[in-house]
Amino acid sequence: MDIQTILDHRLGMIAVKKGIITYFQLQHVIKEQRLSTSSNNSFVPIIDILVNSGIITKSQHKDFLALTPHRDLGTRTK
């Protein structure tokens, strides 16, 4: 499993903790992701599968993306 997949699954777990999706929905999406990645040989993000399968709407897409931490890597404060 590559780093992109690991980070994508981590984002999915955060979405479960925040109540955006259920654990069972995440399991389904991860299974779909593995199938599509193996057949296409290209990475398909969880968010795309969630929207395409109708689990979340396009408006919920923003909530999902808001879970991604934004850090200023250039400066560090104590």
Protein backbone atom coordinates (compact mmCIF):
# COMPACT_ATOMS: atom_id res chain seq x y z
CA MET A 1 0.00 0.00 0.00
CA ASP A 2 1.46 3.35 -0.99
CA ILE A 3 1.43 6.58 1.01
CA GLN A 4 -1.37 8.12 -1.06
CA THR A 5 -3.67 5.21 -0.22
CA ILE A 6 -2.73 5.30 3.46
CA LEU A 7 -3.47 9.03 3.71
CA ASP A 8 -6.73 8.58 1.82
CA HIS A 9 -7.85 5.84 4.22
CA ARG A 10 -6.85 8.03 7.17
CA LEU A 11 -9.04 10.81 5.82
CA GLY A 12 -11.86 8.29 5.56
CA MET A 13 -11.44 7.32 9.21
CA ILE A 14 -11.56 10.99 10.22
CA ALA A 15 -14.81 11.33 8.24
CA VAL A 16 -16.23 8.38 10.20
CA LYS A 17 -15.25 9.98 13.51
CA LYS A 18 -16.84 13.28 12.46
CA GLY A 19 -20.06 11.50 11.46
CA ILE A 20 -19.92 12.35 7.76
CA ILE A 21 -20.00 8.67 6.76
CA THR A 22 -20.44 5.41 8.66
CA TYR A 23 -17.78 2.78 9.18
CA PHE A 24 -19.69 0.38 6.93
CA GLN A 25 -19.81 2.98 4.16
CA LEU A 26 -16.06 3.45 4.51
CA GLN A 27 -15.51 -0.32 4.23
CA HIS A 28 -17.64 -0.40 1.07
CA VAL A 29 -15.75 2.53 -0.45
CA ILE A 30 -12.34 1.03 0.33
CA LYS A 31 -13.42 -2.21 -1.36
CA GLU A 32 -14.61 -0.23 -4.40
CA GLN A 33 -11.35 1.72 -4.39
CA ARG A 34 -9.28 -1.47 -4.48
CA LEU A 35 -11.35 -2.90 -7.33
CA SER A 36 -11.18 0.26 -9.45
CA THR A 37 -7.50 0.82 -8.74
CA SER A 38 -6.59 -2.73 -9.72
CA SER A 39 -8.64 -2.62 -12.93
CA ASN A 40 -7.54 0.88 -14.02
CA ASN A 41 -4.00 0.90 -12.62
CA SER A 42 -4.68 4.42 -11.39
CA PHE A 43 -5.53 5.76 -7.94
CA VAL A 44 -9.16 6.72 -7.32
CA PRO A 45 -9.66 8.90 -4.19
CA ILE A 46 -12.27 7.85 -1.64
CA ILE A 47 -14.07 11.19 -2.04
CA ASP A 48 -14.68 10.50 -5.74
CA ILE A 49 -16.16 7.08 -5.00
CA LEU A 50 -18.36 8.53 -2.25
CA VAL A 51 -19.82 11.14 -4.60
CA ASN A 52 -20.14 8.82 -7.62
CA SER A 53 -21.92 6.12 -5.61
CA GLY A 54 -24.29 8.64 -4.03
CA ILE A 55 -23.14 8.11 -0.44
CA ILE A 56 -22.46 11.82 -0.08
CA THR A 57 -23.65 14.76 -2.14
CA LYS A 58 -21.55 17.38 -3.87
CA SER A 59 -22.40 19.83 -1.07
CA GLN A 60 -21.07 17.35 1.53
CA HIS A 61 -17.91 17.15 -0.55
CA LYS A 62 -16.76 20.44 1.03
CA ASP A 63 -17.28 19.05 4.54
CA PHE A 64 -15.17 16.04 3.65
CA LEU A 65 -12.37 18.15 2.22
CA ALA A 66 -12.45 20.44 5.26
CA LEU A 67 -11.16 17.51 7.32
CA THR A 68 -7.79 17.76 5.62
CA PRO A 69 -5.38 19.47 8.03
CA HIS A 70 -3.72 22.61 6.72
CA ARG A 71 -0.35 23.36 8.24
CA ASP A 72 2.09 26.16 7.74
CA LEU A 73 5.29 24.18 7.33
CA GLY A 74 7.47 27.26 6.95
CA THR A 75 7.17 28.60 10.50
CA ARG A 76 6.99 26.97 13.87
CA THR A 77 5.76 28.64 17.02
CA LYS A 78 6.05 27.47 20.60
